[in-house]
Structures are given as structure tokens and as C-alpha cells.
Protein backbone atom coordinates (compact mmCIF):
# COMPACT_ATOMS: atom_id res chain seq x y z
CA MET A 1 22.99 28.88 9.54
CA SER A 2 20.10 28.37 11.83
CA GLY A 3 16.51 29.33 11.91
CA ILE A 4 13.47 28.53 9.89
CA GLN A 5 12.79 29.79 6.43
CA GLN A 6 9.28 29.86 5.08
CA VAL A 7 8.06 30.21 1.57
CA ASP A 8 5.02 32.33 0.92
CA SER A 9 1.95 30.99 -0.83
CA GLN A 10 2.37 33.26 -3.85
CA THR A 11 5.85 31.88 -4.49
CA LEU A 12 4.38 28.38 -4.37
CA ARG A 13 1.64 29.39 -6.81
CA ASP A 14 4.14 31.09 -9.12
CA SER A 15 6.32 27.98 -9.09
CA GLY A 16 3.26 25.84 -9.80
CA ALA A 17 2.36 28.06 -12.74
CA ALA A 18 5.92 27.74 -14.07
CA PHE A 19 5.68 23.95 -13.90
CA MET A 20 2.31 24.04 -15.68
CA ASN A 21 3.79 26.31 -18.35
CA GLY A 22 6.69 23.90 -18.75
CA ALA A 23 4.25 21.01 -19.13
CA GLY A 24 2.57 22.95 -21.92
CA ASN A 25 5.94 23.46 -23.58
CA VAL A 26 6.65 19.73 -23.40
CA ALA A 27 3.24 19.05 -24.97
CA ASP A 28 4.14 21.48 -27.75
CA VAL A 29 7.41 19.64 -28.38
CA ILE A 30 5.60 16.30 -28.52
CA GLY A 31 3.08 17.72 -30.98
CA ALA A 32 5.69 19.40 -33.17
CA VAL A 33 7.96 16.36 -33.42
CA THR A 34 5.00 14.03 -34.00
CA ALA A 35 3.66 16.27 -36.77
CA SER A 36 7.10 16.69 -38.34
CA VAL A 37 7.83 12.98 -38.32
CA GLY A 38 4.41 12.28 -39.81
CA ALA A 39 4.92 14.83 -42.56
CA LEU A 40 8.40 13.77 -43.62
CA ILE A 41 9.01 11.56 -46.58
CA TRP A 42 11.98 9.84 -45.11
CA THR A 43 12.91 6.23 -45.76
CA GLY A 44 15.68 3.87 -44.89
CA GLY A 45 17.21 2.46 -41.78
CA ILE A 46 17.89 5.79 -40.11
CA ALA A 47 14.28 6.90 -40.59
CA GLU A 48 12.96 3.63 -39.23
CA GLN A 49 15.33 3.80 -36.26
CA PHE A 50 14.35 7.39 -35.43
CA ASN A 51 10.64 6.63 -35.74
CA SER A 52 11.06 3.57 -33.55
CA ASP A 53 13.14 5.44 -30.96
CA PHE A 54 10.77 8.40 -30.85
CA ALA A 55 7.61 6.31 -30.60
CA GLY A 56 9.05 3.73 -28.23
CA GLN A 57 11.34 5.76 -25.98
CA TYR A 58 11.37 9.51 -26.35
CA LYS A 59 7.68 10.26 -26.75
CA PRO A 60 6.70 8.16 -23.70
CA MET A 61 9.45 9.87 -21.66
CA LEU A 62 8.23 13.29 -22.73
CA GLU A 63 4.63 12.33 -21.97
CA GLN A 64 5.68 11.18 -18.49
CA LEU A 65 7.63 14.40 -17.97
CA LYS A 66 4.49 16.37 -18.86
CA ILE A 67 2.41 14.33 -16.39
CA ASP A 68 5.03 14.78 -13.66
CA MET A 69 5.24 18.54 -14.25
CA GLU A 70 1.44 18.84 -14.08
CA ALA A 71 1.44 16.82 -10.84
CA THR A 72 4.16 19.04 -9.38
CA SER A 73 2.16 22.11 -10.35
CA LYS A 74 -0.92 20.74 -8.59
CA ALA A 75 1.12 19.79 -5.51
CA LEU A 76 2.56 23.30 -5.27
CA ASP A 77 -0.90 24.84 -5.64
CA ASP A 78 -2.25 22.48 -2.96
CA LYS A 79 0.63 23.42 -0.63
CA ALA A 80 -0.09 27.10 -1.22
CA ALA A 81 -3.71 26.58 -0.22
CA GLU A 82 -2.62 24.57 2.83
CA TYR A 83 -0.15 27.31 3.77
CA ASP A 84 -2.86 29.96 3.49
CA LEU A 85 -5.22 27.92 5.64
CA VAL A 86 -2.64 27.21 8.35
CA PHE A 87 -1.03 30.63 8.52
CA HIS A 88 -3.87 32.92 7.47
CA GLY A 89 -6.99 30.94 8.29
CA ALA A 90 -8.27 31.26 4.73
CA VAL A 91 -7.72 29.85 1.29
């Protein structure tokens, strides 16, 4: 295959919106698990291990995923604006 393929600015914006929506879903998961863990009356080693794992590993990973998805969304939106400026002379 040869040639150049271009993506249009609306596709970039749509992809950015999908990433932002995904970031919102991740935030919802963080909130739901945090609320559920806080509401449970759960004791013992398994409870302590889960709470420790969630607070120390999983929640920070999910928070970073959310940040990365928001950054990707912004980057796609910025590229769409750049594309519009370069190819259409307007934003």
C-alpha cells in the first residue's frame, strides 16, 4: 500500500470525546468502589488486604488512567484545531 491517508478533524474530535467519556467512566468506577468499600462492614485479613491493595495500587492506577485519557482527549482536540488551521485556514 502506498499513499497518504489523512484523518479529518471531526474524527479527531469524536475520538477525543470518546476518551473524555472514558475518563468519566473511570472516575465513576473510582467513586463507586471507594463508596462501596467505605460502606462495607468487612473485617479480617482479606478485607484489610483488599483495602490496602485498592488504596495503594488500584486506585492510583485508575486515577492515572483517568488523567492519561483526559490528556489524550485534549491532544486529539488540539490536533483537530491544528488540522483545521493548516488545511482550512480556520479553527
